Amino acid sequence: MAELLLLSVMCCACSSTASRLPFDDVEYVEEFPVVYDVRDGEVVETDRIGLQDIMLCGSDTMLISTQDSGGYITAMNLDDGTMSADFFRQGNGPGELLYAPFFGSVSKTSQGDGTALILSDGKGNMLKWRLHGLFEDSQPDVEVVSDSLAPVLFYSIYVNDSTYICRTLSGEADSQTRYLQCGDERITTKSMEKLNARTIPVKNDGYLVNVLSSFSRYNASRDIVIEASLMLNTIDMYSLGGDFEKTICIGKRADDIDSICDKGARALKETFTRLILKDAFFAVMYSGGKQFPLPGMKAPDPKIYLFGYDGSPKAELVMHEGASVFDIDADGGFLYTLDRERELIRRYDISEVLKTIR
């Protein structure tokens, strides 16, 4: 039986630590106002194997990414279980992908009377396709909205059809560079400059530089970029317009980059593993800052943290069944998770929690 607990939020300020972070406004989060035990999920049956990722599009449609190179993505009608044909096969041709997509980098935008999604084909092109008709047609209509992005980027985030947030590795592999690609022009905002100034104390190390990596998304209606670190206990938020900057730190003290790198690869840990944006909140999956599990060892059950767009902590979901990625149906009140190891998709009723943050 899931239990809802109300706790006080404890946030503290530490000026010496904040001075090492890119932004001056820092919120240290030690507890959440709501803690909810998530148990006894209902298994969502699919006939697909090699499950890699899931993504909700409204309350009735789930996209499923698999390792099937004949068609990486399938749409599932959650009301009746109907599955679409598999689409986006592997290849170098138009509308084909180099590798199976992870939905953490797929963007949504409105187009006409429906929703369109934008994803990278791995070849420097950004593809836009609509959800409408997926269950009637064998393949979606695909439009190339950009064909000039560098394929070696860490990521490209859609802002509009002519503007993308890009991130790449510096020449000496000791930092990562963010910029706006606006047509043929590159623009670096003040906030990006602050984040780009973060470095690791070694050069030309293609592995340790991942300490600076993050899952990143852009909320167009609020003009807020959110970057949840892969290996640090911080989340950075900023606006492209330059009127908002904030860092969220899980715990009393921000992780020290130099200290981690001095210890080498054995000190690397896994923190945030997924970031999703909803209208009223954003959410991250948190692995507890544990060392990466050795082969054959079970990864710890994660937690899911919900935050407001001002950076304030809203709720903590404590998982008790394996989960690798997640998405939330905020209107229906459900949490969906995918456990890649067991290839299980589960659904949980979290409507009680969501009522507290609307």
Protein backbone atom coordinates (compact mmCIF):
# COMPACT_ATOMS: atom_id res chain seq x y z
CA MET A 1 0.00 0.00 0.00
CA ALA A 2 1.52 3.28 -1.10
CA GLU A 3 1.90 5.74 1.72
CA LEU A 4 1.97 9.51 1.40
CA LEU A 5 4.13 11.37 3.91
CA LEU A 6 4.34 15.11 4.44
CA LEU A 7 7.77 16.38 5.40
CA SER A 8 9.38 19.75 5.79
CA VAL A 9 11.73 20.98 3.10
CA MET A 10 15.20 21.76 4.36
CA CYS A 11 17.26 24.00 2.12
CA CYS A 12 20.48 25.60 3.18
CA ALA A 13 22.95 28.02 1.65
CA CYS A 14 26.67 27.44 1.51
CA SER A 15 28.50 30.40 0.00
CA SER A 16 31.86 28.65 -0.29
CA THR A 17 30.31 25.82 -2.30
CA ALA A 18 28.09 28.15 -4.33
CA SER A 19 31.15 30.12 -5.46
CA ARG A 20 32.35 27.04 -7.37
CA LEU A 21 29.03 26.56 -9.13
CA PRO A 22 28.22 28.37 -12.38
CA PHE A 23 25.19 30.25 -11.02
CA ASP A 24 24.89 32.35 -7.85
CA ASP A 25 21.33 31.28 -7.00
CA VAL A 26 21.62 27.79 -5.48
CA GLU A 27 18.95 25.73 -3.73
CA TYR A 28 20.24 22.87 -1.56
CA VAL A 29 17.58 20.18 -1.22
CA GLU A 30 17.87 17.66 1.60
CA GLU A 31 14.21 16.65 1.88
CA PHE A 32 11.03 16.96 -0.17
CA PRO A 33 7.65 18.19 1.11
CA VAL A 34 5.98 15.00 -0.13
CA VAL A 35 7.47 11.49 -0.12
CA TYR A 36 5.51 8.70 -1.80
CA ASP A 37 6.26 4.97 -1.89
CA VAL A 38 5.61 3.60 -5.39
CA ARG A 39 4.72 -0.09 -5.31
CA ASP A 40 2.81 -2.86 -7.08
CA GLY A 41 2.87 -1.57 -10.62
CA GLU A 42 0.57 -3.00 -13.27
CA VAL A 43 2.52 -4.59 -16.14
CA VAL A 44 1.76 -3.10 -19.56
CA GLU A 45 1.92 -5.98 -22.01
CA THR A 46 3.59 -5.52 -25.39
CA ASP A 47 4.65 -8.02 -28.01
CA ARG A 48 7.97 -6.27 -28.57
CA ILE A 49 11.43 -7.42 -27.48
CA GLY A 50 14.64 -5.46 -27.00
CA LEU A 51 12.81 -2.65 -25.20
CA GLN A 52 15.00 0.42 -24.87
CA ASP A 53 12.86 3.46 -24.07
CA ILE A 54 9.34 4.81 -23.62
CA MET A 55 7.70 8.19 -24.14
CA LEU A 56 4.12 9.33 -23.54
CA CYS A 57 2.25 11.49 -26.03
CA GLY A 58 -0.89 12.48 -24.17
CA SER A 59 -2.79 10.03 -21.98
CA ASP A 60 -3.59 7.52 -24.70
CA THR A 61 -0.38 6.98 -26.70
CA MET A 62 2.99 5.58 -25.72
CA LEU A 63 5.99 5.43 -28.03
CA ILE A 64 8.25 2.44 -27.52
CA SER A 65 11.85 2.33 -28.76
CA THR A 66 13.44 -1.08 -29.37
CA GLN A 67 16.63 -2.49 -30.87
CA ASP A 68 14.76 -3.73 -33.96
CA SER A 69 16.67 -2.17 -36.87
CA GLY A 70 13.74 -2.94 -39.18
CA GLY A 71 11.69 -0.32 -37.33
CA TYR A 72 13.00 1.18 -34.13
CA ILE A 73 9.78 2.84 -32.88
CA THR A 74 6.28 1.53 -32.26
CA ALA A 75 3.24 3.49 -31.04
CA MET A 76 0.89 1.83 -28.55
CA ASN A 77 -2.71 2.86 -27.87
CA LEU A 78 -2.93 2.63 -24.07
CA ASP A 79 -6.74 2.46 -24.11
CA ASP A 80 -7.06 -0.76 -26.10
CA GLY A 81 -3.50 -2.07 -26.53
CA THR A 82 -3.42 -1.55 -30.30
CA MET A 83 0.13 -1.40 -31.70
CA SER A 84 1.17 0.56 -34.77
CA ALA A 85 3.51 -0.73 -37.43
CA ASP A 86 7.21 -0.39 -36.59
CA PHE A 87 8.80 2.66 -38.21
CA PHE A 88 12.14 4.50 -38.50
CA ARG A 89 14.36 1.70 -39.67
CA GLN A 90 18.17 1.74 -39.62
CA GLY A 91 19.94 3.10 -42.66
CA ASN A 92 21.54 6.05 -44.42
CA GLY A 93 18.56 6.87 -46.60
CA PRO A 94 16.01 9.69 -46.15
CA GLY A 95 13.95 9.28 -42.99
CA GLU A 96 16.20 6.49 -41.68
CA LEU A 97 18.21 6.52 -38.46
CA LEU A 98 21.75 5.40 -37.75
CA TYR A 99 20.83 3.90 -34.38
CA ALA A 100 17.89 3.27 -32.08
CA PRO A 101 16.73 6.56 -30.56
CA PHE A 102 16.57 7.42 -26.89
CA PHE A 103 13.53 9.59 -26.23
CA GLY A 104 15.41 11.75 -23.73
CA SER A 105 16.55 13.89 -26.67
CA VAL A 106 13.25 13.96 -28.60
CA SER A 107 11.37 17.28 -28.54
CA LYS A 108 7.65 17.95 -28.89
CA THR A 109 6.08 20.91 -30.65
CA SER A 110 2.59 21.87 -31.85
CA GLN A 111 1.90 21.58 -35.55
CA GLY A 112 -1.49 22.40 -36.98
CA ASP A 113 -4.12 20.41 -35.11
CA GLY A 114 -1.73 18.00 -33.46
CA THR A 115 1.66 17.29 -31.94
CA ALA A 116 4.88 16.86 -33.86
CA LEU A 117 8.11 15.33 -32.60
CA ILE A 118 11.68 16.19 -33.56
CA LEU A 119 14.59 13.78 -33.30
CA SER A 120 18.09 13.47 -34.69
CA ASP A 121 18.85 10.86 -37.33
CA GLY A 122 22.48 10.66 -36.16
CA LYS A 123 23.70 12.09 -39.49
CA GLY A 124 23.35 15.82 -38.77
CA ASN A 125 19.67 16.05 -39.72
CA MET A 126 16.72 16.86 -37.48
CA LEU A 127 13.51 15.08 -38.49
CA LYS A 128 9.97 16.23 -37.68
CA TRP A 129 7.05 13.82 -37.78
CA ARG A 130 3.45 13.93 -36.60
CA LEU A 131 1.62 11.57 -34.30
CA HIS A 132 -1.56 11.82 -36.35
CA GLY A 133 -2.30 8.69 -38.37
CA LEU A 134 0.30 6.42 -36.77
CA PHE A 135 -2.23 3.63 -36.26
CA GLU A 136 -3.55 3.86 -39.81
CA ASP A 137 -0.36 4.35 -41.83
CA SER A 138 2.67 2.08 -42.05
CA GLN A 139 5.10 5.01 -41.89
CA PRO A 140 4.79 8.60 -40.62
CA ASP A 141 5.33 11.57 -42.92
CA VAL A 142 8.82 12.85 -42.16
CA GLU A 143 10.07 16.39 -42.76
CA VAL A 144 13.73 17.41 -42.53
CA VAL A 145 13.74 20.68 -40.57
CA SER A 146 17.52 21.02 -40.40
CA ASP A 147 20.28 19.36 -42.38
CA SER A 148 23.30 21.33 -41.19
CA LEU A 149 23.89 20.26 -37.59
CA ALA A 150 27.19 18.58 -36.80
CA PRO A 151 26.61 14.82 -36.34
CA VAL A 152 29.31 14.67 -33.63
CA LEU A 153 27.36 16.85 -31.20
CA PHE A 154 26.57 15.53 -27.73
CA TYR A 155 23.04 16.70 -28.43
CA SER A 156 20.88 19.18 -30.32
CA ILE A 157 17.74 20.52 -28.64
CA TYR A 158 14.94 21.93 -30.77
CA VAL A 159 13.90 25.55 -30.05
CA ASN A 160 12.18 26.27 -33.36
CA ASP A 161 12.66 25.20 -36.98
CA SER A 162 15.69 27.48 -37.38
CA THR A 163 17.18 27.45 -33.84
CA TYR A 164 18.79 24.64 -31.85
CA ILE A 165 20.67 24.41 -28.57
CA CYS A 166 23.86 22.51 -29.33
CA ARG A 167 26.59 21.04 -27.19
CA THR A 168 29.95 19.70 -28.24
CA LEU A 169 33.35 18.78 -26.85
CA SER A 170 36.13 21.36 -26.59
CA GLY A 171 39.33 20.94 -28.57
CA GLU A 172 41.30 19.61 -25.59
CA ALA A 173 38.42 17.49 -24.23
CA ASP A 174 38.51 19.24 -20.85
CA SER A 175 35.23 21.14 -21.24
CA GLN A 176 31.94 21.09 -23.11
CA THR A 177 30.69 23.97 -25.26
CA ARG A 178 27.05 25.04 -25.52
CA TYR A 179 25.77 27.42 -28.17
CA LEU A 180 22.65 28.37 -30.09
CA GLN A 181 22.69 27.41 -33.77
CA CYS A 182 20.49 30.03 -35.45
CA GLY A 183 20.62 29.27 -39.14
CA ASP A 184 24.27 29.76 -40.06
CA GLU A 185 25.02 31.81 -36.94
CA ARG A 186 26.31 30.53 -33.58
CA ILE A 187 25.33 32.46 -30.46
CA THR A 188 26.54 31.83 -26.90
CA THR A 189 24.38 33.34 -24.15
CA LYS A 190 25.79 34.64 -20.85
CA SER A 191 24.41 31.62 -18.99
CA MET A 192 25.98 29.27 -21.51
CA GLU A 193 29.33 31.03 -21.08
CA LYS A 194 29.21 30.38 -17.34
CA LEU A 195 28.46 26.68 -17.86
CA ASN A 196 31.05 26.38 -20.63
CA ALA A 197 33.71 27.70 -18.21
CA ARG A 198 33.51 24.52 -16.13
CA THR A 199 36.48 22.25 -16.85
CA ILE A 200 38.03 19.02 -15.66
CA PRO A 201 41.67 19.13 -14.46
CA VAL A 202 42.93 16.81 -17.22
CA LYS A 203 43.08 17.27 -20.96
CA ASN A 204 42.29 14.92 -23.83
CA ASP A 205 40.56 12.38 -21.60
CA GLY A 206 37.53 11.28 -23.56
CA TYR A 207 35.99 9.52 -20.57
CA LEU A 208 36.42 11.80 -17.57
CA VAL A 209 34.94 14.73 -19.49
CA ASN A 210 31.57 12.99 -19.06
CA VAL A 211 31.61 14.36 -15.51
CA LEU A 212 30.39 17.54 -17.23
CA SER A 213 27.64 15.81 -19.24
CA SER A 214 23.93 16.13 -18.57
CA PHE A 215 20.45 15.31 -19.76
CA SER A 216 19.07 18.55 -21.16
CA ARG A 217 15.63 19.76 -22.24
CA TYR A 218 14.04 23.07 -23.21
CA ASN A 219 10.60 24.32 -22.12
CA ALA A 220 9.58 26.79 -24.83
CA SER A 221 6.53 28.20 -23.04
CA ARG A 222 8.66 29.18 -20.03
CA ASP A 223 11.92 29.77 -21.95
CA ILE A 224 13.86 27.57 -19.53
CA VAL A 225 16.69 25.16 -20.31
CA ILE A 226 17.20 22.41 -17.71
CA GLU A 227 20.40 20.35 -17.47
CA ALA A 228 20.42 17.39 -15.07
CA SER A 229 23.97 16.12 -14.56
CA LEU A 230 24.86 12.50 -15.36
CA MET A 231 27.55 12.25 -12.68
CA LEU A 232 27.16 15.24 -10.35
CA ASN A 233 24.45 16.03 -7.80
CA THR A 234 23.35 19.26 -9.47
CA ILE A 235 20.68 20.47 -11.90
CA ASP A 236 21.27 23.75 -13.74
CA MET A 237 18.40 25.90 -15.02
CA TYR A 238 18.58 29.03 -17.17
CA SER A 239 16.59 31.03 -19.69
CA LEU A 240 17.78 31.80 -23.19
CA GLY A 241 16.61 35.38 -22.61
CA GLY A 242 19.06 35.74 -19.71
CA ASP A 243 16.60 36.68 -16.96
CA PHE A 244 16.76 33.42 -14.97
CA GLU A 245 19.60 31.25 -13.64
CA LYS A 246 19.48 28.70 -10.85
CA THR A 247 21.25 25.56 -9.64
CA ILE A 248 19.57 22.80 -7.63
CA CYS A 249 21.89 20.71 -5.47
CA ILE A 250 20.76 17.42 -3.96
CA GLY A 251 22.27 17.41 -0.47
CA LYS A 252 24.24 19.89 1.62
CA ARG A 253 27.22 20.24 -0.69
CA ALA A 254 27.83 20.21 -4.42
CA ASP A 255 30.12 17.51 -5.79
CA ASP A 256 33.67 18.70 -6.39
CA ILE A 257 34.76 18.09 -9.99
CA ASP A 258 38.50 18.26 -9.28
CA SER A 259 38.23 15.76 -6.43
CA ILE A 260 36.30 13.30 -8.59
CA CYS A 261 38.75 13.56 -11.48
CA ASP A 262 41.77 13.24 -9.19
CA LYS A 263 40.53 9.78 -8.21
CA GLY A 264 40.00 8.77 -11.82
CA ALA A 265 37.33 6.57 -13.37
CA ARG A 266 36.77 4.58 -10.17
CA ALA A 267 35.27 7.70 -8.54
CA LEU A 268 32.65 8.21 -11.24
CA LYS A 269 29.07 7.70 -10.18
CA GLU A 270 25.60 7.73 -11.62
CA THR A 271 23.24 10.47 -10.49
CA PHE A 272 20.44 11.59 -12.83
CA THR A 273 19.41 9.16 -15.56
CA ARG A 274 16.34 10.78 -17.15
CA LEU A 275 14.74 14.22 -17.34
CA ILE A 276 11.15 14.91 -18.44
CA LEU A 277 9.17 18.16 -18.69
CA LYS A 278 5.49 18.58 -17.91
CA ASP A 279 3.32 21.71 -17.88
CA ALA A 280 3.32 22.20 -14.10
CA PHE A 281 6.62 20.56 -13.13
CA PHE A 282 9.71 18.75 -14.34
CA ALA A 283 11.00 15.43 -13.04
CA VAL A 284 14.30 13.56 -12.91
CA MET A 285 15.21 9.97 -12.16
CA TYR A 286 17.93 9.83 -9.50
CA SER A 287 20.18 6.83 -8.92
CA GLY A 288 21.40 8.03 -5.54
CA GLY A 289 24.90 9.02 -6.61
CA LYS A 290 26.00 5.39 -6.35
CA GLN A 291 29.08 3.98 -8.02
CA PHE A 292 28.26 2.35 -11.35
CA PRO A 293 27.27 -1.26 -10.56
CA LEU A 294 29.65 -4.01 -11.64
CA PRO A 295 28.48 -6.46 -14.32
CA GLY A 296 26.04 -8.93 -12.83
CA MET A 297 25.17 -6.70 -9.86
CA LYS A 298 21.65 -5.36 -9.50
CA ALA A 299 21.40 -1.60 -9.78
CA PRO A 300 19.71 0.09 -6.79
CA ASP A 301 16.08 1.07 -7.17
CA PRO A 302 15.95 4.73 -8.20
CA LYS A 303 13.98 7.69 -6.95
CA ILE A 304 12.07 10.21 -9.01
CA TYR A 305 12.20 13.86 -7.97
CA LEU A 306 9.58 16.41 -9.02
CA PHE A 307 10.42 20.14 -9.10
CA GLY A 308 8.63 23.37 -9.93
CA TYR A 309 10.02 25.56 -12.69
CA ASP A 310 11.29 27.98 -10.05
CA GLY A 311 13.57 25.16 -8.84
CA SER A 312 11.55 24.39 -5.72
CA PRO A 313 11.30 20.71 -4.63
CA LYS A 314 7.77 19.28 -4.89
CA ALA A 315 7.76 15.51 -4.36
CA GLU A 316 9.95 12.42 -4.10
CA LEU A 317 8.76 9.11 -5.55
CA VAL A 318 10.56 6.15 -3.95
CA MET A 319 10.65 3.18 -6.31
CA HIS A 320 10.59 -0.42 -5.09
CA GLU A 321 10.68 -2.18 -8.46
CA GLY A 322 13.39 -1.89 -11.09
CA ALA A 323 13.19 1.09 -13.43
CA SER A 324 15.58 2.46 -16.04
CA VAL A 325 13.51 5.29 -17.54
CA PHE A 326 10.11 6.80 -16.88
CA ASP A 327 7.40 9.16 -18.06
CA ILE A 328 4.38 10.69 -16.32
CA ASP A 329 0.82 11.10 -17.52
CA ALA A 330 0.08 14.24 -15.52
CA ASP A 331 -3.56 14.45 -16.66
CA GLY A 332 -4.41 10.81 -15.99
CA GLY A 333 -2.33 10.58 -12.82
CA PHE A 334 -0.08 7.69 -13.86
CA LEU A 335 3.64 6.97 -13.74
CA TYR A 336 5.05 4.66 -16.41
CA THR A 337 8.45 2.99 -16.06
CA LEU A 338 10.58 0.73 -18.20
CA ASP A 339 12.92 -1.79 -16.59
CA ARG A 340 15.38 -2.53 -19.41
CA GLU A 341 16.97 -5.49 -17.61
CA ARG A 342 13.66 -7.36 -17.33
CA GLU A 343 12.07 -5.71 -20.37
CA LEU A 344 9.02 -4.72 -18.33
CA ILE A 345 6.83 -1.66 -18.67
CA ARG A 346 4.82 -0.87 -15.54
CA ARG A 347 2.10 1.62 -14.70
CA TYR A 348 1.49 3.14 -11.25
CA ASP A 349 -1.30 5.35 -9.97
CA ILE A 350 0.35 8.49 -8.52
CA SER A 351 -2.71 10.76 -8.76
CA GLU A 352 -2.53 11.38 -5.00
CA VAL A 353 0.92 12.94 -5.37
CA LEU A 354 0.13 14.97 -8.47
CA LYS A 355 -2.83 16.63 -6.75
CA THR A 356 -0.41 18.20 -4.29
CA ILE A 357 1.65 20.02 -6.93
CA ARG A 358 -0.94 21.30 -9.40
